[in-house]
Amino acid sequence: MWEMWGMAFALVLIIEGMTPFLSPQQLRKTLLFVLTQSDNTLRGFGFASMLTGLILLYLIN
């Protein structure tokens, strides 16, 4: 069980690290765009991301 959590965390770090490594300038532009969004918009994106993750987990299992 702990091995799976470790692997999942490692994959998150790899995926999250790809954008700043491959395109740091685009990451800066994206972060500036995110800073201009309202709290409700960011919550909506967060909710959609969580819901998508739950659906993917359900479909995989």
C-alpha atoms as a PDB file:
ATOM      1  CA  MET A   1       0.000   0.000   0.000  1.00  0.00           C
ATOM      2  CA  TRP A   2       2.708   2.513   1.011  1.00  0.00           C
ATOM      3  CA  GLU A   3       4.678   1.542  -2.072  1.00  0.00           C
ATOM      4  CA  MET A   4       1.752   2.567  -4.290  1.00  0.00           C
ATOM      5  CA  TRP A   5       1.451   5.924  -2.502  1.00  0.00           C
ATOM      6  CA  GLY A   6       5.158   6.502  -2.997  1.00  0.00           C
ATOM      7  CA  MET A   7       4.922   5.665  -6.685  1.00  0.00           C
ATOM      8  CA  ALA A   8       1.899   7.936  -7.110  1.00  0.00           C
ATOM      9  CA  PHE A   9       3.708  10.800  -5.382  1.00  0.00           C
ATOM     10  CA  ALA A  10       6.789  10.247  -7.546  1.00  0.00           C
ATOM     11  CA  LEU A  11       4.649  10.386 -10.698  1.00  0.00           C
ATOM     12  CA  VAL A  12       3.038  13.620  -9.535  1.00  0.00           C
ATOM     13  CA  LEU A  13       6.473  15.164  -9.015  1.00  0.00           C
ATOM     14  CA  ILE A  14       7.621  14.030 -12.461  1.00  0.00           C
ATOM     15  CA  ILE A  15       4.526  15.371 -14.208  1.00  0.00           C
ATOM     16  CA  GLU A  16       4.523  18.638 -12.258  1.00  0.00           C
ATOM     17  CA  GLY A  17       8.218  19.155 -12.973  1.00  0.00           C
ATOM     18  CA  MET A  18       7.859  18.770 -16.737  1.00  0.00           C
ATOM     19  CA  THR A  19       6.299  22.179 -17.408  1.00  0.00           C
ATOM     20  CA  PRO A  20       8.912  24.352 -15.673  1.00  0.00           C
ATOM     21  CA  PHE A  21      11.694  22.210 -17.163  1.00  0.00           C
ATOM     22  CA  LEU A  22      10.402  22.228 -20.747  1.00  0.00           C
ATOM     23  CA  SER A  23       8.831  25.691 -20.944  1.00  0.00           C
ATOM     24  CA  PRO A  24       9.605  28.041 -18.043  1.00  0.00           C
ATOM     25  CA  GLN A  25       8.465  31.139 -19.965  1.00  0.00           C
ATOM     26  CA  GLN A  26       5.044  29.617 -20.684  1.00  0.00           C
ATOM     27  CA  LEU A  27       4.741  28.619 -17.026  1.00  0.00           C
ATOM     28  CA  ARG A  28       5.319  32.259 -15.999  1.00  0.00           C
ATOM     29  CA  LYS A  29       2.607  33.422 -18.430  1.00  0.00           C
ATOM     30  CA  THR A  30       0.206  30.804 -17.118  1.00  0.00           C
ATOM     31  CA  LEU A  31       0.867  31.726 -13.478  1.00  0.00           C
ATOM     32  CA  LEU A  32       0.299  35.415 -14.258  1.00  0.00           C
ATOM     33  CA  PHE A  33      -3.010  34.473 -15.910  1.00  0.00           C
ATOM     34  CA  VAL A  34      -4.021  32.418 -12.865  1.00  0.00           C
ATOM     35  CA  LEU A  35      -3.264  35.355 -10.568  1.00  0.00           C
ATOM     36  CA  THR A  36      -5.818  37.482 -12.438  1.00  0.00           C
ATOM     37  CA  GLN A  37      -8.655  34.966 -12.019  1.00  0.00           C
ATOM     38  CA  SER A  38     -11.314  35.280  -9.330  1.00  0.00           C
ATOM     39  CA  ASP A  39     -11.522  32.874  -6.398  1.00  0.00           C
ATOM     40  CA  ASN A  40     -14.728  31.348  -7.781  1.00  0.00           C
ATOM     41  CA  THR A  41     -13.078  30.662 -11.142  1.00  0.00           C
ATOM     42  CA  LEU A  42     -10.122  28.961  -9.446  1.00  0.00           C
ATOM     43  CA  ARG A  43     -12.495  26.915  -7.283  1.00  0.00           C
ATOM     44  CA  GLY A  44     -14.345  25.849 -10.421  1.00  0.00           C
ATOM     45  CA  PHE A  45     -11.120  24.688 -12.064  1.00  0.00           C
ATOM     46  CA  GLY A  46     -10.121  22.864  -8.884  1.00  0.00           C
ATOM     47  CA  PHE A  47     -13.501  21.143  -8.628  1.00  0.00           C
ATOM     48  CA  ALA A  48     -13.399  20.126 -12.303  1.00  0.00           C
ATOM     49  CA  SER A  49      -9.895  18.735 -11.824  1.00  0.00           C
ATOM     50  CA  MET A  50     -10.911  16.712  -8.763  1.00  0.00           C
ATOM     51  CA  LEU A  51     -14.039  15.410 -10.493  1.00  0.00           C
ATOM     52  CA  THR A  52     -12.031  14.396 -13.558  1.00  0.00           C
ATOM     53  CA  GLY A  53      -9.543  12.564 -11.328  1.00  0.00           C
ATOM     54  CA  LEU A  54     -12.330  10.725  -9.513  1.00  0.00           C
ATOM     55  CA  ILE A  55     -13.926   9.664 -12.782  1.00  0.00           C
ATOM     56  CA  LEU A  56     -10.582   8.430 -14.129  1.00  0.00           C
ATOM     57  CA  LEU A  57      -9.932   6.451 -10.941  1.00  0.00           C
ATOM     58  CA  TYR A  58     -13.402   4.923 -11.165  1.00  0.00           C
ATOM     59  CA  LEU A  59     -12.919   3.946 -14.811  1.00  0.00           C
ATOM     60  CA  ILE A  60      -9.442   2.494 -14.197  1.00  0.00           C
ATOM     61  CA  ASN A  61     -10.611   0.405 -11.251  1.00  0.00           C
END
